[in-house]
Amino acid sequence: MFDLHQMYRRYRKYMFLLLSLYALGWGFTGHQSVFLGLALGTTLSLFNLWSMVRKQLQFGEAVQQNKKVRSLGTATRLASAGLAALLAMKYPEYLNMVSVIIGLMTVYIVIMIDYVFQHSRA
């Protein structure tokens, strides 16, 4: 069985590591817009992960107490992606749109890589 808190801590650790690498890339390379876009997308991806975990825990509690289950927060996650896209369109000189989109997908890439590592060790 999996522990949601343990998985969330691992994912968060990997995301912060990536964010620190993006900060180094932003500071030491000539591709500031790419790394700033990656940082924005990854930050919002981390927010989406936190929101998803929080809603999943609320969902589990509601099911255990036989209460009515509300939304799992899809609109919030879509709105944060829309905000990232709007910022990238408004400030293309600072944010690269492709890197923002890749940053938004970072959490899913981290989850897949972690899954492979965890199941190869077992």
PDB file of N, CA and C in Angstrom:
ATOM      1  N   MET A   1       0.838  -1.190   0.000  1.00  0.00           N
ATOM      2  CA  MET A   1       0.000   0.000   0.000  1.00  0.00           C
ATOM      3  C   MET A   1       0.878   1.247   0.000  1.00  0.00           C
ATOM      4  N   PHE A   2       0.370   2.326  -0.485  1.00  0.00           N
ATOM      5  CA  PHE A   2       1.149   3.549  -0.564  1.00  0.00           C
ATOM      6  C   PHE A   2       0.715   4.520   0.527  1.00  0.00           C
ATOM      7  N   ASP A   3       1.636   5.366   0.927  1.00  0.00           N
ATOM      8  CA  ASP A   3       1.349   6.402   1.901  1.00  0.00           C
ATOM      9  C   ASP A   3       1.377   7.741   1.168  1.00  0.00           C
ATOM     10  N   LEU A   4       0.245   8.408   1.117  1.00  0.00           N
ATOM     11  CA  LEU A   4       0.115   9.636   0.351  1.00  0.00           C
ATOM     12  C   LEU A   4       1.048  10.723   0.872  1.00  0.00           C
ATOM     13  N   HIS A   5       1.184  10.829   2.199  1.00  0.00           N
ATOM     14  CA  HIS A   5       2.059  11.852   2.776  1.00  0.00           C
ATOM     15  C   HIS A   5       3.516  11.602   2.405  1.00  0.00           C
ATOM     16  N   GLN A   6       3.929  10.356   2.444  1.00  0.00           N
ATOM     17  CA  GLN A   6       5.305  10.009   2.108  1.00  0.00           C
ATOM     18  C   GLN A   6       5.590  10.298   0.631  1.00  0.00           C
ATOM     19  N   MET A   7       4.661   9.944  -0.219  1.00  0.00           N
ATOM     20  CA  MET A   7       4.830  10.220  -1.648  1.00  0.00           C
ATOM     21  C   MET A   7       4.874  11.725  -1.903  1.00  0.00           C
ATOM     22  N   TYR A   8       4.007  12.475  -1.238  1.00  0.00           N
ATOM     23  CA  TYR A   8       3.974  13.923  -1.423  1.00  0.00           C
ATOM     24  C   TYR A   8       5.294  14.553  -0.985  1.00  0.00           C
ATOM     25  N   ARG A   9       5.850  14.095   0.129  1.00  0.00           N
ATOM     26  CA  ARG A   9       7.137  14.631   0.582  1.00  0.00           C
ATOM     27  C   ARG A   9       8.245  14.344  -0.432  1.00  0.00           C
ATOM     28  N   ARG A  10       8.250  13.145  -0.988  1.00  0.00           N
ATOM     29  CA  ARG A  10       9.250  12.801  -1.998  1.00  0.00           C
ATOM     30  C   ARG A  10       9.092  13.671  -3.240  1.00  0.00           C
ATOM     31  N   TYR A  11       7.890  13.808  -3.736  1.00  0.00           N
ATOM     32  CA  TYR A  11       7.642  14.620  -4.929  1.00  0.00           C
ATOM     33  C   TYR A  11       8.030  16.077  -4.683  1.00  0.00           C
ATOM     34  N   ARG A  12       7.677  16.580  -3.506  1.00  0.00           N
ATOM     35  CA  ARG A  12       7.993  17.966  -3.171  1.00  0.00           C
ATOM     36  C   ARG A  12       9.504  18.182  -3.129  1.00  0.00           C
ATOM     37  N   LYS A  13      10.222  17.203  -2.588  1.00  0.00           N
ATOM     38  CA  LYS A  13      11.679  17.295  -2.527  1.00  0.00           C
ATOM     39  C   LYS A  13      12.271  17.351  -3.931  1.00  0.00           C
ATOM     40  N   TYR A  14      11.797  16.505  -4.838  1.00  0.00           N
ATOM     41  CA  TYR A  14      12.283  16.509  -6.209  1.00  0.00           C
ATOM     42  C   TYR A  14      11.952  17.820  -6.915  1.00  0.00           C
ATOM     43  N   MET A  15      10.769  18.340  -6.660  1.00  0.00           N
ATOM     44  CA  MET A  15      10.363  19.588  -7.303  1.00  0.00           C
ATOM     45  C   MET A  15      11.231  20.754  -6.827  1.00  0.00           C
ATOM     46  N   PHE A  16      11.532  20.796  -5.522  1.00  0.00           N
ATOM     47  CA  PHE A  16      12.394  21.857  -5.015  1.00  0.00           C
ATOM     48  C   PHE A  16      13.811  21.728  -5.567  1.00  0.00           C
ATOM     49  N   LEU A  17      14.270  20.511  -5.769  1.00  0.00           N
ATOM     50  CA  LEU A  17      15.579  20.302  -6.390  1.00  0.00           C
ATOM     51  C   LEU A  17      15.582  20.848  -7.813  1.00  0.00           C
ATOM     52  N   LEU A  18      14.534  20.553  -8.570  1.00  0.00           N
ATOM     53  CA  LEU A  18      14.422  21.091  -9.923  1.00  0.00           C
ATOM     54  C   LEU A  18      14.350  22.616  -9.927  1.00  0.00           C
ATOM     55  N   LEU A  19      13.591  23.177  -8.985  1.00  0.00           N
ATOM     56  CA  LEU A  19      13.495  24.638  -8.910  1.00  0.00           C
ATOM     57  C   LEU A  19      14.851  25.268  -8.613  1.00  0.00           C
ATOM     58  N   SER A  20      15.645  24.621  -7.772  1.00  0.00           N
ATOM     59  CA  SER A  20      16.976  25.170  -7.492  1.00  0.00           C
ATOM     60  C   SER A  20      17.877  25.067  -8.727  1.00  0.00           C
ATOM     61  N   LEU A  21      17.745  23.983  -9.492  1.00  0.00           N
ATOM     62  CA  LEU A  21      18.506  23.877 -10.743  1.00  0.00           C
ATOM     63  C   LEU A  21      18.068  24.951 -11.747  1.00  0.00           C
ATOM     64  N   TYR A  22      16.773  25.235 -11.787  1.00  0.00           N
ATOM     65  CA  TYR A  22      16.285  26.288 -12.675  1.00  0.00           C
ATOM     66  C   TYR A  22      16.824  27.652 -12.245  1.00  0.00           C
ATOM     67  N   ALA A  23      16.915  27.880 -10.955  1.00  0.00           N
ATOM     68  CA  ALA A  23      17.459  29.151 -10.459  1.00  0.00           C
ATOM     69  C   ALA A  23      18.931  29.291 -10.862  1.00  0.00           C
ATOM     70  N   LEU A  24      19.672  28.195 -10.759  1.00  0.00           N
ATOM     71  CA  LEU A  24      21.067  28.235 -11.205  1.00  0.00           C
ATOM     72  C   LEU A  24      21.153  28.479 -12.708  1.00  0.00           C
ATOM     73  N   GLY A  25      20.296  27.817 -13.468  1.00  0.00           N
ATOM     74  CA  GLY A  25      20.273  28.030 -14.913  1.00  0.00           C
ATOM     75  C   GLY A  25      19.902  29.451 -15.273  1.00  0.00           C
ATOM     76  N   TRP A  26      18.968  30.030 -14.547  1.00  0.00           N
ATOM     77  CA  TRP A  26      18.565  31.410 -14.796  1.00  0.00           C
ATOM     78  C   TRP A  26      19.711  32.368 -14.493  1.00  0.00           C
ATOM     79  N   GLY A  27      20.458  32.078 -13.431  1.00  0.00           N
ATOM     80  CA  GLY A  27      21.519  32.985 -13.022  1.00  0.00           C
ATOM     81  C   GLY A  27      22.794  32.866 -13.830  1.00  0.00           C
ATOM     82  N   PHE A  28      23.095  31.681 -14.340  1.00  0.00           N
ATOM     83  CA  PHE A  28      24.397  31.472 -14.959  1.00  0.00           C
ATOM     84  C   PHE A  28      24.376  31.208 -16.456  1.00  0.00           C
ATOM     85  N   THR A  29      23.223  31.256 -17.082  1.00  0.00           N
ATOM     86  CA  THR A  29      23.182  31.058 -18.529  1.00  0.00           C
ATOM     87  C   THR A  29      22.541  32.273 -19.188  1.00  0.00           C
ATOM     88  N   GLY A  30      22.564  32.275 -20.480  1.00  0.00           N
ATOM     89  CA  GLY A  30      21.954  33.370 -21.233  1.00  0.00           C
ATOM     90  C   GLY A  30      20.503  33.098 -21.599  1.00  0.00           C
ATOM     91  N   HIS A  31      19.930  32.039 -21.055  1.00  0.00           N
ATOM     92  CA  HIS A  31      18.552  31.655 -21.396  1.00  0.00           C
ATOM     93  C   HIS A  31      17.608  31.946 -20.221  1.00  0.00           C
ATOM     94  N   GLN A  32      17.582  33.189 -19.793  1.00  0.00           N
ATOM     95  CA  GLN A  32      16.773  33.544 -18.624  1.00  0.00           C
ATOM     96  C   GLN A  32      15.293  33.287 -18.843  1.00  0.00           C
ATOM     97  N   SER A  33      14.776  33.561 -20.035  1.00  0.00           N
ATOM     98  CA  SER A  33      13.341  33.395 -20.257  1.00  0.00           C
ATOM     99  C   SER A  33      12.937  31.924 -20.201  1.00  0.00           C
ATOM    100  N   VAL A  34      13.816  31.035 -20.656  1.00  0.00           N
ATOM    101  CA  VAL A  34      13.516  29.606 -20.617  1.00  0.00           C
ATOM    102  C   VAL A  34      13.465  29.119 -19.174  1.00  0.00           C
ATOM    103  N   PHE A  35      14.478  29.472 -18.389  1.00  0.00           N
ATOM    104  CA  PHE A  35      14.527  29.000 -17.009  1.00  0.00           C
ATOM    105  C   PHE A  35      13.476  29.674 -16.132  1.00  0.00           C
ATOM    106  N   LEU A  36      13.151  30.929 -16.411  1.00  0.00           N
ATOM    107  CA  LEU A  36      12.078  31.586 -15.659  1.00  0.00           C
ATOM    108  C   LEU A  36      10.731  30.963 -15.998  1.00  0.00           C
ATOM    109  N   GLY A  37      10.527  30.593 -17.242  1.00  0.00           N
ATOM    110  CA  GLY A  37       9.298  29.893 -17.634  1.00  0.00           C
ATOM    111  C   GLY A  37       9.200  28.529 -16.980  1.00  0.00           C
ATOM    112  N   LEU A  38      10.320  27.802 -16.950  1.00  0.00           N
ATOM    113  CA  LEU A  38      10.329  26.510 -16.261  1.00  0.00           C
ATOM    114  C   LEU A  38      10.025  26.679 -14.771  1.00  0.00           C
ATOM    115  N   ALA A  39      10.595  27.714 -14.172  1.00  0.00           N
ATOM    116  CA  ALA A  39      10.370  27.949 -12.740  1.00  0.00           C
ATOM    117  C   ALA A  39       8.907  28.298 -12.466  1.00  0.00           C
ATOM    118  N   LEU A  40       8.319  29.149 -13.295  1.00  0.00           N
ATOM    119  CA  LEU A  40       6.904  29.500 -13.114  1.00  0.00           C
ATOM    120  C   LEU A  40       6.018  28.276 -13.275  1.00  0.00           C
ATOM    121  N   GLY A  41       6.230  27.533 -14.346  1.00  0.00           N
ATOM    122  CA  GLY A  41       5.417  26.346 -14.584  1.00  0.00           C
ATOM    123  C   GLY A  41       5.580  25.307 -13.490  1.00  0.00           C
ATOM    124  N   THR A  42       6.806  25.097 -13.029  1.00  0.00           N
ATOM    125  CA  THR A  42       7.051  24.115 -11.973  1.00  0.00           C
ATOM    126  C   THR A  42       6.464  24.569 -10.649  1.00  0.00           C
ATOM    127  N   THR A  43       6.532  25.857 -10.361  1.00  0.00           N
ATOM    128  CA  THR A  43       5.928  26.369  -9.129  1.00  0.00           C
ATOM    129  C   THR A  43       4.419  26.153  -9.142  1.00  0.00           C
ATOM    130  N   LEU A  44       3.782  26.438 -10.250  1.00  0.00           N
ATOM    131  CA  LEU A  44       2.339  26.208 -10.337  1.00  0.00           C
ATOM    132  C   LEU A  44       2.028  24.715 -10.368  1.00  0.00           C
ATOM    133  N   SER A  45       2.914  23.923 -10.915  1.00  0.00           N
ATOM    134  CA  SER A  45       2.746  22.478 -10.886  1.00  0.00           C
ATOM    135  C   SER A  45       2.829  21.959  -9.447  1.00  0.00           C
ATOM    136  N   LEU A  46       3.740  22.529  -8.663  1.00  0.00           N
ATOM    137  CA  LEU A  46       3.849  22.171  -7.246  1.00  0.00           C
ATOM    138  C   LEU A  46       2.590  22.585  -6.487  1.00  0.00           C
ATOM    139  N   PHE A  47       2.048  23.759  -6.816  1.00  0.00           N
ATOM    140  CA  PHE A  47       0.784  24.180  -6.213  1.00  0.00           C
ATOM    141  C   PHE A  47      -0.340  23.202  -6.574  1.00  0.00           C
ATOM    142  N   ASN A  48      -0.372  22.771  -7.831  1.00  0.00           N
ATOM    143  CA  ASN A  48      -1.393  21.814  -8.268  1.00  0.00           C
ATOM    144  C   ASN A  48      -1.244  20.484  -7.535  1.00  0.00           C
ATOM    145  N   LEU A  49      -0.006  20.052  -7.305  1.00  0.00           N
ATOM    146  CA  LEU A  49       0.228  18.820  -6.555  1.00  0.00           C
ATOM    147  C   LEU A  49      -0.287  18.958  -5.133  1.00  0.00           C
ATOM    148  N   TRP A  50       0.033  20.080  -4.484  1.00  0.00           N
ATOM    149  CA  TRP A  50      -0.439  20.326  -3.115  1.00  0.00           C
ATOM    150  C   TRP A  50      -1.970  20.335  -3.081  1.00  0.00           C
ATOM    151  N   SER A  51      -2.576  20.994  -4.041  1.00  0.00           N
ATOM    152  CA  SER A  51      -4.036  21.062  -4.100  1.00  0.00           C
ATOM    153  C   SER A  51      -4.643  19.677  -4.301  1.00  0.00           C
ATOM    154  N   MET A  52      -4.032  18.882  -5.164  1.00  0.00           N
ATOM    155  CA  MET A  52      -4.540  17.541  -5.444  1.00  0.00           C
ATOM    156  C   MET A  52      -4.440  16.649  -4.202  1.00  0.00           C
ATOM    157  N   VAL A  53      -3.328  16.724  -3.494  1.00  0.00           N
ATOM    158  CA  VAL A  53      -3.150  15.912  -2.283  1.00  0.00           C
ATOM    159  C   VAL A  53      -4.150  16.334  -1.219  1.00  0.00           C
ATOM    160  N   ARG A  54      -4.311  17.644  -1.040  1.00  0.00           N
ATOM    161  CA  ARG A  54      -5.254  18.145  -0.041  1.00  0.00           C
ATOM    162  C   ARG A  54      -6.687  17.717  -0.359  1.00  0.00           C
ATOM    163  N   LYS A  55      -7.076  17.817  -1.614  1.00  0.00           N
ATOM    164  CA  LYS A  55      -8.434  17.409  -2.005  1.00  0.00           C
ATOM    165  C   LYS A  55      -8.619  15.904  -1.875  1.00  0.00           C
ATOM    166  N   GLN A  56      -7.568  15.130  -2.149  1.00  0.00           N
ATOM    167  CA  GLN A  56      -7.660  13.679  -2.004  1.00  0.00           C
ATOM    168  C   GLN A  56      -7.858  13.291  -0.544  1.00  0.00           C
ATOM    169  N   LEU A  57      -7.173  13.976   0.357  1.00  0.00           N
ATOM    170  CA  LEU A  57      -7.352  13.692   1.787  1.00  0.00           C
ATOM    171  C   LEU A  57      -8.759  14.077   2.246  1.00  0.00           C
ATOM    172  N   GLN A  58      -9.260  15.212   1.774  1.00  0.00           N
ATOM    173  CA  GLN A  58     -10.620  15.616   2.111  1.00  0.00           C
ATOM    174  C   GLN A  58     -11.636  14.625   1.543  1.00  0.00           C
ATOM    175  N   PHE A  59     -11.379  14.135   0.353  1.00  0.00           N
ATOM    176  CA  PHE A  59     -12.252  13.152  -0.282  1.00  0.00           C
ATOM    177  C   PHE A  59     -12.304  11.871   0.551  1.00  0.00           C
ATOM    178  N   GLY A  60     -11.122  11.398   1.011  1.00  0.00           N
ATOM    179  CA  GLY A  60     -11.062  10.192   1.839  1.00  0.00           C
ATOM    180  C   GLY A  60     -11.809  10.348   3.143  1.00  0.00           C
ATOM    181  N   GLU A  61     -11.671  11.507   3.785  1.00  0.00           N
ATOM    182  CA  GLU A  61     -12.389  11.758   5.035  1.00  0.00           C
ATOM    183  C   GLU A  61     -13.897  11.802   4.810  1.00  0.00           C
ATOM    184  N   ALA A  62     -14.317  12.429   3.719  1.00  0.00           N
ATOM    185  CA  ALA A  62     -15.754  12.520   3.422  1.00  0.00           C
ATOM    186  C   ALA A  62     -16.339  11.141   3.156  1.00  0.00           C
ATOM    187  N   VAL A  63     -15.611  10.279   2.474  1.00  0.00           N
ATOM    188  CA  VAL A  63     -16.102   8.933   2.193  1.00  0.00           C
ATOM    189  C   VAL A  63     -16.211   8.133   3.485  1.00  0.00           C
ATOM    190  N   GLN A  64     -15.215   8.258   4.366  1.00  0.00           N
ATOM    191  CA  GLN A  64     -15.245   7.531   5.635  1.00  0.00           C
ATOM    192  C   GLN A  64     -16.404   7.970   6.524  1.00  0.00           C
ATOM    193  N   GLN A  65     -16.763   9.237   6.454  1.00  0.00           N
ATOM    194  CA  GLN A  65     -17.847   9.758   7.290  1.00  0.00           C
ATOM    195  C   GLN A  65     -19.198   9.715   6.579  1.00  0.00           C
ATOM    196  N   ASN A  66     -19.256   9.094   5.425  1.00  0.00           N
ATOM    197  CA  ASN A  66     -20.470   8.995   4.619  1.00  0.00           C
ATOM    198  C   ASN A  66     -21.078  10.361   4.310  1.00  0.00           C
ATOM    199  N   LYS A  67     -20.230  11.332   4.068  1.00  0.00           N
ATOM    200  CA  LYS A  67     -20.693  12.662   3.694  1.00  0.00           C
ATOM    201  C   LYS A  67     -20.682  12.787   2.183  1.00  0.00           C
ATOM    202  N   LYS A  68     -21.360  13.820   1.709  1.00  0.00           N
ATOM    203  CA  LYS A  68     -21.387  14.089   0.288  1.00  0.00           C
ATOM    204  C   LYS A  68     -20.014  14.617  -0.145  1.00  0.00           C
ATOM    205  N   VAL A  69     -19.542  14.133  -1.283  1.00  0.00           N
ATOM    206  CA  VAL A  69     -18.214  14.487  -1.770  1.00  0.00           C
ATOM    207  C   VAL A  69     -18.324  15.661  -2.731  1.00  0.00           C
ATOM    208  N   ARG A  70     -17.487  16.664  -2.477  1.00  0.00           N
ATOM    209  CA  ARG A  70     -17.458  17.823  -3.366  1.00  0.00           C
ATOM    210  C   ARG A  70     -16.439  17.602  -4.467  1.00  0.00           C
ATOM    211  N   SER A  71     -16.168  18.609  -5.203  1.00  0.00           N
ATOM    212  CA  SER A  71     -15.245  18.562  -6.331  1.00  0.00           C
ATOM    213  C   SER A  71     -13.821  18.230  -5.872  1.00  0.00           C
ATOM    214  N   LEU A  72     -13.033  17.672  -6.783  1.00  0.00           N
ATOM    215  CA  LEU A  72     -11.641  17.371  -6.484  1.00  0.00           C
ATOM    216  C   LEU A  72     -10.709  18.499  -6.924  1.00  0.00           C
ATOM    217  N   GLY A  73     -11.246  19.649  -7.297  1.00  0.00           N
ATOM    218  CA  GLY A  73     -10.426  20.822  -7.577  1.00  0.00           C
ATOM    219  C   GLY A  73      -9.894  20.926  -8.988  1.00  0.00           C
ATOM    220  N   THR A  74     -10.572  20.340  -9.933  1.00  0.00           N
ATOM    221  CA  THR A  74     -10.115  20.405 -11.311  1.00  0.00           C
ATOM    222  C   THR A  74     -10.113  21.841 -11.829  1.00  0.00           C
ATOM    223  N   ALA A  75     -11.123  22.600 -11.472  1.00  0.00           N
ATOM    224  CA  ALA A  75     -11.213  23.984 -11.943  1.00  0.00           C
ATOM    225  C   ALA A  75     -10.043  24.818 -11.428  1.00  0.00           C
ATOM    226  N   THR A  76      -9.623  24.590 -10.200  1.00  0.00           N
ATOM    227  CA  THR A  76      -8.494  25.324  -9.640  1.00  0.00           C
ATOM    228  C   THR A  76      -7.214  25.008 -10.393  1.00  0.00           C
ATOM    229  N   ARG A  77      -7.011  23.744 -10.707  1.00  0.00           N
ATOM    230  CA  ARG A  77      -5.794  23.353 -11.427  1.00  0.00           C
ATOM    231  C   ARG A  77      -5.813  23.903 -12.851  1.00  0.00           C
ATOM    232  N   LEU A  78      -6.963  23.871 -13.497  1.00  0.00           N
ATOM    233  CA  LEU A  78      -7.065  24.440 -14.839  1.00  0.00           C
ATOM    234  C   LEU A  78      -6.865  25.956 -14.823  1.00  0.00           C
ATOM    235  N   ALA A  79      -7.378  26.615 -13.801  1.00  0.00           N
ATOM    236  CA  ALA A  79      -7.217  28.064 -13.690  1.00  0.00           C
ATOM    237  C   ALA A  79      -5.752  28.441 -13.477  1.00  0.00           C
ATOM    238  N   SER A  80      -5.024  27.654 -12.699  1.00  0.00           N
ATOM    239  CA  SER A  80      -3.606  27.978 -12.490  1.00  0.00           C
ATOM    240  C   SER A  80      -2.817  27.782 -13.789  1.00  0.00           C
ATOM    241  N   ALA A  81      -3.162  26.771 -14.580  1.00  0.00           N
ATOM    242  CA  ALA A  81      -2.511  26.581 -15.880  1.00  0.00           C
ATOM    243  C   ALA A  81      -2.860  27.728 -16.822  1.00  0.00           C
ATOM    244  N   GLY A  82      -4.099  28.168 -16.787  1.00  0.00           N
ATOM    245  CA  GLY A  82      -4.508  29.309 -17.602  1.00  0.00           C
ATOM    246  C   GLY A  82      -3.788  30.584 -17.201  1.00  0.00           C
ATOM    247  N   LEU A  83      -3.599  30.772 -15.898  1.00  0.00           N
ATOM    248  CA  LEU A  83      -2.860  31.935 -15.410  1.00  0.00           C
ATOM    249  C   LEU A  83      -1.423  31.908 -15.919  1.00  0.00           C
ATOM    250  N   ALA A  84      -0.794  30.748 -15.871  1.00  0.00           N
ATOM    251  CA  ALA A  84       0.579  30.621 -16.364  1.00  0.00           C
ATOM    252  C   ALA A  84       0.649  30.949 -17.855  1.00  0.00           C
ATOM    253  N   ALA A  85      -0.306  30.451 -18.618  1.00  0.00           N
ATOM    254  CA  ALA A  85      -0.318  30.721 -20.060  1.00  0.00           C
ATOM    255  C   ALA A  85      -0.553  32.209 -20.336  1.00  0.00           C
ATOM    256  N   LEU A  86      -1.447  32.835 -19.586  1.00  0.00           N
ATOM    257  CA  LEU A  86      -1.692  34.266 -19.771  1.00  0.00           C
ATOM    258  C   LEU A  86      -0.456  35.094 -19.437  1.00  0.00           C
ATOM    259  N   LEU A  87       0.236  34.731 -18.359  1.00  0.00           N
ATOM    260  CA  LEU A  87       1.454  35.455 -18.004  1.00  0.00           C
ATOM    261  C   LEU A  87       2.526  35.289 -19.076  1.00  0.00           C
ATOM    262  N   ALA A  88       2.641  34.091 -19.618  1.00  0.00           N
ATOM    263  CA  ALA A  88       3.639  33.855 -20.663  1.00  0.00           C
ATOM    264  C   ALA A  88       3.288  34.619 -21.945  1.00  0.00           C
ATOM    265  N   MET A  89       2.002  34.763 -22.237  1.00  0.00           N
ATOM    266  CA  MET A  89       1.606  35.530 -23.425  1.00  0.00           C
ATOM    267  C   MET A  89       1.775  37.028 -23.202  1.00  0.00           C
ATOM    268  N   LYS A  90       1.525  37.490 -21.982  1.00  0.00           N
ATOM    269  CA  LYS A  90       1.640  38.916 -21.697  1.00  0.00           C
ATOM    270  C   LYS A  90       3.095  39.370 -21.631  1.00  0.00           C
ATOM    271  N   TYR A  91       3.982  38.503 -21.122  1.00  0.00           N
ATOM    272  CA  TYR A  91       5.387  38.857 -20.968  1.00  0.00           C
ATOM    273  C   TYR A  91       6.289  37.858 -21.704  1.00  0.00           C
ATOM    274  N   PRO A  92       6.222  37.826 -23.036  1.00  0.00           N
ATOM    275  CA  PRO A  92       7.031  36.846 -23.774  1.00  0.00           C
ATOM    276  C   PRO A  92       8.533  37.122 -23.702  1.00  0.00           C
ATOM    277  N   GLU A  93       8.918  38.344 -23.382  1.00  0.00           N
ATOM    278  CA  GLU A  93      10.342  38.650 -23.270  1.00  0.00           C
ATOM    279  C   GLU A  93      10.945  38.075 -21.982  1.00  0.00           C
ATOM    280  N   TYR A  94      10.103  37.785 -20.995  1.00  0.00           N
ATOM    281  CA  TYR A  94      10.573  37.230 -19.722  1.00  0.00           C
ATOM    282  C   TYR A  94      10.262  35.739 -19.573  1.00  0.00           C
ATOM    283  N   LEU A  95       9.176  35.275 -20.184  1.00  0.00           N
ATOM    284  CA  LEU A  95       8.715  33.891 -20.015  1.00  0.00           C
ATOM    285  C   LEU A  95       8.557  33.212 -21.368  1.00  0.00           C
ATOM    286  N   ASN A  96       9.219  32.104 -21.538  1.00  0.00           N
ATOM    287  CA  ASN A  96       9.094  31.305 -22.746  1.00  0.00           C
ATOM    288  C   ASN A  96       7.869  30.394 -22.586  1.00  0.00           C
ATOM    289  N   MET A  97       6.933  30.478 -23.532  1.00  0.00           N
ATOM    290  CA  MET A  97       5.675  29.732 -23.428  1.00  0.00           C
ATOM    291  C   MET A  97       5.894  28.226 -23.394  1.00  0.00           C
ATOM    292  N   VAL A  98       6.784  27.709 -24.220  1.00  0.00           N
ATOM    293  CA  VAL A  98       7.024  26.267 -24.262  1.00  0.00           C
ATOM    294  C   VAL A  98       7.586  25.783 -22.928  1.00  0.00           C
ATOM    295  N   SER A  99       8.499  26.558 -22.346  1.00  0.00           N
ATOM    296  CA  SER A  99       9.069  26.139 -21.065  1.00  0.00           C
ATOM    297  C   SER A  99       8.049  26.246 -19.931  1.00  0.00           C
ATOM    298  N   VAL A 100       7.121  27.184 -20.010  1.00  0.00           N
ATOM    299  CA  VAL A 100       6.047  27.253 -19.005  1.00  0.00           C
ATOM    300  C   VAL A 100       5.193  25.998 -19.074  1.00  0.00           C
ATOM    301  N   ILE A 101       4.860  25.564 -20.272  1.00  0.00           N
ATOM    302  CA  ILE A 101       4.036  24.362 -20.441  1.00  0.00           C
ATOM    303  C   ILE A 101       4.787  23.124 -19.968  1.00  0.00           C
ATOM    304  N   ILE A 102       6.077  23.036 -20.293  1.00  0.00           N
ATOM    305  CA  ILE A 102       6.879  21.912 -19.801  1.00  0.00           C
ATOM    306  C   ILE A 102       6.940  21.941 -18.279  1.00  0.00           C
ATOM    307  N   GLY A 103       7.077  23.127 -17.701  1.00  0.00           N
ATOM    308  CA  GLY A 103       7.090  23.260 -16.243  1.00  0.00           C
ATOM    309  C   GLY A 103       5.785  22.823 -15.605  1.00  0.00           C
ATOM    310  N   LEU A 104       4.668  23.115 -16.263  1.00  0.00           N
ATOM    311  CA  LEU A 104       3.375  22.681 -15.739  1.00  0.00           C
ATOM    312  C   LEU A 104       3.244  21.158 -15.733  1.00  0.00           C
ATOM    313  N   MET A 105       3.921  20.492 -16.641  1.00  0.00           N
ATOM    314  CA  MET A 105       3.882  19.028 -16.720  1.00  0.00           C
ATOM    315  C   MET A 105       4.931  18.355 -15.835  1.00  0.00           C
ATOM    316  N   THR A 106       5.757  19.141 -15.179  1.00  0.00           N
ATOM    317  CA  THR A 106       6.875  18.592 -14.407  1.00  0.00           C
ATOM    318  C   THR A 106       6.420  17.617 -13.329  1.00  0.00           C
ATOM    319  N   VAL A 107       5.348  17.913 -12.635  1.00  0.00           N
ATOM    320  CA  VAL A 107       4.913  17.038 -11.547  1.00  0.00           C
ATOM    321  C   VAL A 107       4.554  15.651 -12.073  1.00  0.00           C
ATOM    322  N   TYR A 108       3.980  15.583 -13.254  1.00  0.00           N
ATOM    323  CA  TYR A 108       3.606  14.285 -13.803  1.00  0.00           C
ATOM    324  C   TYR A 108       4.843  13.492 -14.226  1.00  0.00           C
ATOM    325  N   ILE A 109       5.833  14.191 -14.743  1.00  0.00           N
ATOM    326  CA  ILE A 109       7.094  13.533 -15.090  1.00  0.00           C
ATOM    327  C   ILE A 109       7.779  13.016 -13.832  1.00  0.00           C
ATOM    328  N   VAL A 110       7.773  13.831 -12.761  1.00  0.00           N
ATOM    329  CA  VAL A 110       8.374  13.424 -11.492  1.00  0.00           C
ATOM    330  C   VAL A 110       7.645  12.200 -10.928  1.00  0.00           C
ATOM    331  N   ILE A 111       6.334  12.177 -11.006  1.00  0.00           N
ATOM    332  CA  ILE A 111       5.558  11.043 -10.496  1.00  0.00           C
ATOM    333  C   ILE A 111       5.904   9.774 -11.271  1.00  0.00           C
ATOM    334  N   MET A 112       6.008   9.872 -12.594  1.00  0.00           N
ATOM    335  CA  MET A 112       6.328   8.686 -13.387  1.00  0.00           C
ATOM    336  C   MET A 112       7.740   8.176 -13.098  1.00  0.00           C
ATOM    337  N   ILE A 113       8.701   9.076 -12.993  1.00  0.00           N
ATOM    338  CA  ILE A 113      10.078   8.657 -12.698  1.00  0.00           C
ATOM    339  C   ILE A 113      10.161   8.051 -11.308  1.00  0.00           C
ATOM    340  N   ASP A 114       9.490   8.648 -10.337  1.00  0.00           N
ATOM    341  CA  ASP A 114       9.497   8.105  -8.982  1.00  0.00           C
ATOM    342  C   ASP A 114       8.840   6.728  -8.945  1.00  0.00           C
ATOM    343  N   TYR A 115       7.782   6.550  -9.700  1.00  0.00           N
ATOM    344  CA  TYR A 115       7.115   5.247  -9.770  1.00  0.00           C
ATOM    345  C   TYR A 115       8.074   4.171 -10.275  1.00  0.00           C
ATOM    346  N   VAL A 116       8.817   4.491 -11.317  1.00  0.00           N
ATOM    347  CA  VAL A 116       9.773   3.525 -11.873  1.00  0.00           C
ATOM    348  C   VAL A 116      10.849   3.198 -10.836  1.00  0.00           C
ATOM    349  N   PHE A 117      11.375   4.220 -10.166  1.00  0.00           N
ATOM    350  CA  PHE A 117      12.408   3.987  -9.158  1.00  0.00           C
ATOM    351  C   PHE A 117      11.881   3.169  -7.977  1.00  0.00           C
ATOM    352  N   GLN A 118      10.691   3.488  -7.504  1.00  0.00           N
ATOM    353  CA  GLN A 118      10.142   2.785  -6.339  1.00  0.00           C
ATOM    354  C   GLN A 118       9.831   1.335  -6.668  1.00  0.00           C
ATOM    355  N   HIS A 119       9.363   1.064  -7.859  1.00  0.00           N
ATOM    356  CA  HIS A 119       9.025  -0.327  -8.206  1.00  0.00           C
ATOM    357  C   HIS A 119      10.226  -1.140  -8.671  1.00  0.00           C
ATOM    358  N   SER A 120      11.291  -0.477  -9.067  1.00  0.00           N
ATOM    359  CA  SER A 120      12.499  -1.213  -9.423  1.00  0.00           C
ATOM    360  C   SER A 120      13.263  -1.626  -8.164  1.00  0.00           C
ATOM    361  N   ARG A 121      13.091  -0.867  -7.076  1.00  0.00           N
ATOM    362  CA  ARG A 121      13.739  -1.216  -5.805  1.00  0.00           C
ATOM    363  C   ARG A 121      13.009  -2.322  -5.073  1.00  0.00           C
ATOM    364  N   ALA A 122      11.735  -2.471  -5.319  1.00  0.00           N
ATOM    365  CA  ALA A 122      10.921  -3.475  -4.593  1.00  0.00           C
ATOM    366  C   ALA A 122      11.109  -4.885  -5.102  1.00  0.00           C
TER     367      ALA A 122
END
